[in-house]
Amino acid sequence: MKSYFNPMLISCAFTFMTDMQAEKETHTPIESIVKSEAEWQQELNSEEYQVLRKEGTERAGTSELLNEKRPGIYTCTGCNLPLFTSLTKFESGTGWPSYHAPIDSRHIGMKVDRKLWATRTEVHCSRCGGHLGHVFKDGPNPTGLRYCINGVALDFIPMKEENIGQKEPDITHRDILD
């Protein structure tokens, strides 16, 4: 009887499984920030509080970040967790800043939102739980997703002038950002 176990195939499978385990071990979970509602009200202005803590929506077309074109990163207003980069930002025509991918999928949480007439997917910050906006399946390549984000939920950190030629801001090296 002929053996169907190819040593090369077994070696590749073992390498793949080892790499997957190593990747799993190197991705540390995001540590949560827990504060009382009184603490959030004290730290955030009224509009930030309404959006981040009460899952509100800012009026379309009002965000200062809507037309932000400089290279840099967008962090959570509530806890400063890096969420998006200018490289994934695109003009969606919706009136809210839009991105096709987060900096790190672990920085974004999602849940089903059935508050309005249609079921949507809400996006929130993995660290502080702040409501950011919604994600839709009508975005550009390469993901086909549109993260439609309330600008008031984000802070923009521009890249330093001398680092603008870099491919992408490396969020582990915050010294390249202003």
C-alpha atoms as a PDB file:
ATOM      1  CA  MET A   1       0.000   0.000   0.000  1.00  0.00           C
ATOM      2  CA  LYS A   2       1.309   3.408  -0.961  1.00  0.00           C
ATOM      3  CA  SER A   3       1.788   6.000   1.824  1.00  0.00           C
ATOM      4  CA  TYR A   4       0.074   9.348   1.340  1.00  0.00           C
ATOM      5  CA  PHE A   5       2.112  11.165   3.981  1.00  0.00           C
ATOM      6  CA  ASN A   6       4.414  13.555   2.196  1.00  0.00           C
ATOM      7  CA  PRO A   7       7.264  14.648   4.506  1.00  0.00           C
ATOM      8  CA  MET A   8       7.359  18.087   2.851  1.00  0.00           C
ATOM      9  CA  LEU A   9       3.617  18.578   3.387  1.00  0.00           C
ATOM     10  CA  ILE A  10       3.904  17.554   7.036  1.00  0.00           C
ATOM     11  CA  SER A  11       6.821  19.958   7.501  1.00  0.00           C
ATOM     12  CA  CYS A  12       4.859  22.844   5.942  1.00  0.00           C
ATOM     13  CA  ALA A  13       1.803  22.106   8.090  1.00  0.00           C
ATOM     14  CA  PHE A  14       3.927  21.998  11.244  1.00  0.00           C
ATOM     15  CA  THR A  15       5.619  25.296  10.335  1.00  0.00           C
ATOM     16  CA  PHE A  16       2.234  26.929   9.659  1.00  0.00           C
ATOM     17  CA  MET A  17       0.797  25.736  12.993  1.00  0.00           C
ATOM     18  CA  THR A  18       3.928  26.885  14.856  1.00  0.00           C
ATOM     19  CA  ASP A  19       3.740  30.310  13.199  1.00  0.00           C
ATOM     20  CA  MET A  20       0.046  30.600  14.087  1.00  0.00           C
ATOM     21  CA  GLN A  21       0.780  29.753  17.730  1.00  0.00           C
ATOM     22  CA  ALA A  22       3.670  32.244  17.860  1.00  0.00           C
ATOM     23  CA  GLU A  23       1.448  34.941  16.348  1.00  0.00           C
ATOM     24  CA  LYS A  24      -1.261  34.207  18.912  1.00  0.00           C
ATOM     25  CA  GLU A  25       1.240  34.476  21.765  1.00  0.00           C
ATOM     26  CA  THR A  26       2.741  37.784  20.573  1.00  0.00           C
ATOM     27  CA  HIS A  27      -0.626  39.566  20.286  1.00  0.00           C
ATOM     28  CA  THR A  28      -1.270  40.821  23.766  1.00  0.00           C
ATOM     29  CA  PRO A  29      -4.865  41.700  24.567  1.00  0.00           C
ATOM     30  CA  ILE A  30      -5.935  45.323  24.838  1.00  0.00           C
ATOM     31  CA  GLU A  31      -6.229  46.328  28.482  1.00  0.00           C
ATOM     32  CA  SER A  32      -9.611  47.898  29.246  1.00  0.00           C
ATOM     33  CA  ILE A  33     -10.109  51.298  30.829  1.00  0.00           C
ATOM     34  CA  VAL A  34     -13.056  51.395  33.196  1.00  0.00           C
ATOM     35  CA  LYS A  35     -14.434  54.687  34.504  1.00  0.00           C
ATOM     36  CA  SER A  36     -17.690  55.781  36.079  1.00  0.00           C
ATOM     37  CA  GLU A  37     -20.148  57.850  34.065  1.00  0.00           C
ATOM     38  CA  ALA A  38     -19.322  60.807  36.333  1.00  0.00           C
ATOM     39  CA  GLU A  39     -15.618  60.467  35.458  1.00  0.00           C
ATOM     40  CA  TRP A  40     -16.418  60.316  31.719  1.00  0.00           C
ATOM     41  CA  GLN A  41     -18.647  63.403  32.004  1.00  0.00           C
ATOM     42  CA  GLN A  42     -15.830  65.273  33.708  1.00  0.00           C
ATOM     43  CA  GLU A  43     -13.195  64.284  31.106  1.00  0.00           C
ATOM     44  CA  LEU A  44     -15.197  64.676  27.881  1.00  0.00           C
ATOM     45  CA  ASN A  45     -17.011  67.713  26.527  1.00  0.00           C
ATOM     46  CA  SER A  46     -20.786  67.343  26.068  1.00  0.00           C
ATOM     47  CA  GLU A  47     -20.612  66.352  22.381  1.00  0.00           C
ATOM     48  CA  GLU A  48     -17.823  63.810  22.973  1.00  0.00           C
ATOM     49  CA  TYR A  49     -19.758  62.351  25.911  1.00  0.00           C
ATOM     50  CA  GLN A  50     -22.978  62.094  23.886  1.00  0.00           C
ATOM     51  CA  VAL A  51     -21.233  60.199  21.057  1.00  0.00           C
ATOM     52  CA  LEU A  52     -18.697  58.078  22.949  1.00  0.00           C
ATOM     53  CA  ARG A  53     -20.745  57.129  26.013  1.00  0.00           C
ATOM     54  CA  LYS A  54     -24.386  57.471  24.857  1.00  0.00           C
ATOM     55  CA  GLU A  55     -23.848  56.103  21.311  1.00  0.00           C
ATOM     56  CA  GLY A  56     -24.954  59.329  19.668  1.00  0.00           C
ATOM     57  CA  THR A  57     -24.111  60.558  16.173  1.00  0.00           C
ATOM     58  CA  GLU A  58     -22.638  63.914  15.264  1.00  0.00           C
ATOM     59  CA  ARG A  59     -24.356  65.868  12.501  1.00  0.00           C
ATOM     60  CA  ALA A  60     -23.088  64.951   9.022  1.00  0.00           C
ATOM     61  CA  GLY A  61     -20.547  67.353   7.538  1.00  0.00           C
ATOM     62  CA  THR A  62     -19.640  69.024  10.848  1.00  0.00           C
ATOM     63  CA  SER A  63     -16.419  67.204  11.771  1.00  0.00           C
ATOM     64  CA  GLU A  64     -13.137  69.092  11.432  1.00  0.00           C
ATOM     65  CA  LEU A  65     -11.552  65.737  10.543  1.00  0.00           C
ATOM     66  CA  LEU A  66     -13.740  65.272   7.478  1.00  0.00           C
ATOM     67  CA  ASN A  67     -11.317  67.172   5.235  1.00  0.00           C
ATOM     68  CA  GLU A  68      -8.092  66.311   7.099  1.00  0.00           C
ATOM     69  CA  LYS A  69      -5.537  65.290   4.452  1.00  0.00           C
ATOM     70  CA  ARG A  70      -2.220  65.305   6.337  1.00  0.00           C
ATOM     71  CA  PRO A  71      -0.446  62.006   7.059  1.00  0.00           C
ATOM     72  CA  GLY A  72      -0.853  60.756  10.609  1.00  0.00           C
ATOM     73  CA  ILE A  73      -2.977  58.626  12.893  1.00  0.00           C
ATOM     74  CA  TYR A  74      -6.419  58.940  14.433  1.00  0.00           C
ATOM     75  CA  THR A  75      -6.764  57.973  18.084  1.00  0.00           C
ATOM     76  CA  CYS A  76      -9.757  57.447  20.369  1.00  0.00           C
ATOM     77  CA  THR A  77     -10.775  60.711  22.050  1.00  0.00           C
ATOM     78  CA  GLY A  78     -11.673  58.785  25.201  1.00  0.00           C
ATOM     79  CA  CYS A  79      -8.435  56.865  25.756  1.00  0.00           C
ATOM     80  CA  ASN A  80      -5.893  57.741  23.012  1.00  0.00           C
ATOM     81  CA  LEU A  81      -5.798  54.212  21.551  1.00  0.00           C
ATOM     82  CA  PRO A  82      -4.565  54.412  17.916  1.00  0.00           C
ATOM     83  CA  LEU A  83      -7.493  53.416  15.683  1.00  0.00           C
ATOM     84  CA  PHE A  84      -6.959  54.512  12.068  1.00  0.00           C
ATOM     85  CA  THR A  85      -4.228  55.889   9.819  1.00  0.00           C
ATOM     86  CA  SER A  86      -4.478  58.502   7.105  1.00  0.00           C
ATOM     87  CA  LEU A  87      -3.485  55.793   4.607  1.00  0.00           C
ATOM     88  CA  THR A  88      -6.841  54.038   5.053  1.00  0.00           C
ATOM     89  CA  LYS A  89      -8.939  57.226   5.010  1.00  0.00           C
ATOM     90  CA  PHE A  90     -11.061  57.883   1.929  1.00  0.00           C
ATOM     91  CA  GLU A  91     -13.780  60.275   0.747  1.00  0.00           C
ATOM     92  CA  SER A  92     -17.067  58.396   1.123  1.00  0.00           C
ATOM     93  CA  GLY A  93     -19.411  61.307   0.440  1.00  0.00           C
ATOM     94  CA  THR A  94     -21.397  60.503   3.595  1.00  0.00           C
ATOM     95  CA  GLY A  95     -20.420  63.526   5.677  1.00  0.00           C
ATOM     96  CA  TRP A  96     -18.376  61.514   8.206  1.00  0.00           C
ATOM     97  CA  PRO A  97     -14.685  60.572   8.188  1.00  0.00           C
ATOM     98  CA  SER A  98     -14.388  57.108   6.607  1.00  0.00           C
ATOM     99  CA  TYR A  99     -11.659  54.474   6.618  1.00  0.00           C
ATOM    100  CA  HIS A 100     -11.363  51.087   4.926  1.00  0.00           C
ATOM    101  CA  ALA A 101      -9.435  49.405   7.782  1.00  0.00           C
ATOM    102  CA  PRO A 102      -8.366  50.008  11.393  1.00  0.00           C
ATOM    103  CA  ILE A 103      -4.698  50.194  12.423  1.00  0.00           C
ATOM    104  CA  ASP A 104      -5.145  46.919  14.311  1.00  0.00           C
ATOM    105  CA  SER A 105      -8.310  44.826  14.337  1.00  0.00           C
ATOM    106  CA  ARG A 106      -7.856  44.272  18.095  1.00  0.00           C
ATOM    107  CA  HIS A 107      -8.328  48.019  18.676  1.00  0.00           C
ATOM    108  CA  ILE A 108     -11.889  47.928  17.315  1.00  0.00           C
ATOM    109  CA  GLY A 109     -14.847  46.052  18.741  1.00  0.00           C
ATOM    110  CA  MET A 110     -18.140  45.456  16.964  1.00  0.00           C
ATOM    111  CA  LYS A 111     -21.695  44.639  17.955  1.00  0.00           C
ATOM    112  CA  VAL A 112     -25.068  44.446  16.254  1.00  0.00           C
ATOM    113  CA  ASP A 113     -27.046  47.699  16.423  1.00  0.00           C
ATOM    114  CA  ARG A 114     -30.824  47.344  16.006  1.00  0.00           C
ATOM    115  CA  LYS A 115     -31.776  50.848  17.202  1.00  0.00           C
ATOM    116  CA  LEU A 116     -33.057  52.156  13.873  1.00  0.00           C
ATOM    117  CA  TRP A 117     -35.086  50.685  11.024  1.00  0.00           C
ATOM    118  CA  ALA A 118     -32.195  48.484   9.837  1.00  0.00           C
ATOM    119  CA  THR A 119     -29.676  46.215  11.504  1.00  0.00           C
ATOM    120  CA  ARG A 120     -26.216  47.777  11.464  1.00  0.00           C
ATOM    121  CA  THR A 121     -22.818  46.921  12.929  1.00  0.00           C
ATOM    122  CA  GLU A 122     -21.650  49.364  15.578  1.00  0.00           C
ATOM    123  CA  VAL A 123     -17.917  50.014  16.000  1.00  0.00           C
ATOM    124  CA  HIS A 124     -16.453  50.826  19.406  1.00  0.00           C
ATOM    125  CA  CYS A 125     -13.012  51.292  20.948  1.00  0.00           C
ATOM    126  CA  SER A 126     -11.660  48.065  22.432  1.00  0.00           C
ATOM    127  CA  ARG A 127      -9.927  49.876  25.295  1.00  0.00           C
ATOM    128  CA  CYS A 128     -12.581  52.262  26.672  1.00  0.00           C
ATOM    129  CA  GLY A 129     -15.727  50.953  24.961  1.00  0.00           C
ATOM    130  CA  GLY A 130     -16.445  54.360  23.419  1.00  0.00           C
ATOM    131  CA  HIS A 131     -18.902  54.386  20.508  1.00  0.00           C
ATOM    132  CA  LEU A 132     -17.089  55.363  17.304  1.00  0.00           C
ATOM    133  CA  GLY A 133     -19.629  54.846  14.529  1.00  0.00           C
ATOM    134  CA  HIS A 134     -20.628  51.977  12.229  1.00  0.00           C
ATOM    135  CA  VAL A 135     -19.046  49.715   9.627  1.00  0.00           C
ATOM    136  CA  PHE A 136     -20.692  48.963   6.281  1.00  0.00           C
ATOM    137  CA  LYS A 137     -19.863  46.561   3.460  1.00  0.00           C
ATOM    138  CA  ASP A 138     -19.772  49.228   0.744  1.00  0.00           C
ATOM    139  CA  GLY A 139     -16.185  50.457   1.038  1.00  0.00           C
ATOM    140  CA  PRO A 140     -13.261  50.448  -1.386  1.00  0.00           C
ATOM    141  CA  ASN A 141     -10.638  47.775  -1.961  1.00  0.00           C
ATOM    142  CA  PRO A 142      -8.758  46.108  -0.414  1.00  0.00           C
ATOM    143  CA  THR A 143     -11.317  45.407   2.359  1.00  0.00           C
ATOM    144  CA  GLY A 144     -14.650  46.414   0.846  1.00  0.00           C
ATOM    145  CA  LEU A 145     -15.498  47.953   4.231  1.00  0.00           C
ATOM    146  CA  ARG A 146     -16.411  51.513   5.189  1.00  0.00           C
ATOM    147  CA  TYR A 147     -15.788  52.449   8.800  1.00  0.00           C
ATOM    148  CA  CYS A 148     -18.049  55.500   9.084  1.00  0.00           C
ATOM    149  CA  ILE A 149     -16.715  57.232  12.196  1.00  0.00           C
ATOM    150  CA  ASN A 150     -17.894  60.210  14.220  1.00  0.00           C
ATOM    151  CA  GLY A 151     -15.073  62.748  14.008  1.00  0.00           C
ATOM    152  CA  VAL A 152     -15.720  63.884  17.579  1.00  0.00           C
ATOM    153  CA  ALA A 153     -14.728  60.361  18.713  1.00  0.00           C
ATOM    154  CA  LEU A 154     -11.260  60.791  17.178  1.00  0.00           C
ATOM    155  CA  ASP A 155      -8.174  62.907  17.764  1.00  0.00           C
ATOM    156  CA  PHE A 156      -5.738  63.421  14.886  1.00  0.00           C
ATOM    157  CA  ILE A 157      -1.974  63.237  15.454  1.00  0.00           C
ATOM    158  CA  PRO A 158      -0.079  64.514  12.387  1.00  0.00           C
ATOM    159  CA  MET A 159       3.150  62.884  11.310  1.00  0.00           C
ATOM    160  CA  LYS A 160       6.295  64.967  11.798  1.00  0.00           C
ATOM    161  CA  GLU A 161       7.497  66.704   8.619  1.00  0.00           C
ATOM    162  CA  GLU A 162      10.746  64.732   8.427  1.00  0.00           C
ATOM    163  CA  ASN A 163       8.860  61.414   8.416  1.00  0.00           C
ATOM    164  CA  ILE A 164       6.264  62.190   5.739  1.00  0.00           C
ATOM    165  CA  GLY A 165       8.055  60.116   3.083  1.00  0.00           C
ATOM    166  CA  GLN A 166       7.601  56.947   5.127  1.00  0.00           C
ATOM    167  CA  LYS A 167       5.131  54.397   3.844  1.00  0.00           C
ATOM    168  CA  GLU A 168       3.008  54.416   6.986  1.00  0.00           C
ATOM    169  CA  PRO A 169       3.269  55.835  10.484  1.00  0.00           C
ATOM    170  CA  ASP A 170       4.586  53.170  12.848  1.00  0.00           C
ATOM    171  CA  ILE A 171       2.444  53.551  15.937  1.00  0.00           C
ATOM    172  CA  THR A 172       5.014  51.759  18.056  1.00  0.00           C
ATOM    173  CA  HIS A 173       7.373  54.680  17.413  1.00  0.00           C
ATOM    174  CA  ARG A 174       5.335  57.699  18.445  1.00  0.00           C
ATOM    175  CA  ASP A 175       8.398  59.935  17.975  1.00  0.00           C
ATOM    176  CA  ILE A 176       7.546  60.263  14.271  1.00  0.00           C
ATOM    177  CA  LEU A 177       4.278  61.955  15.157  1.00  0.00           C
ATOM    178  CA  ASP A 178       3.820  65.572  16.244  1.00  0.00           C
END
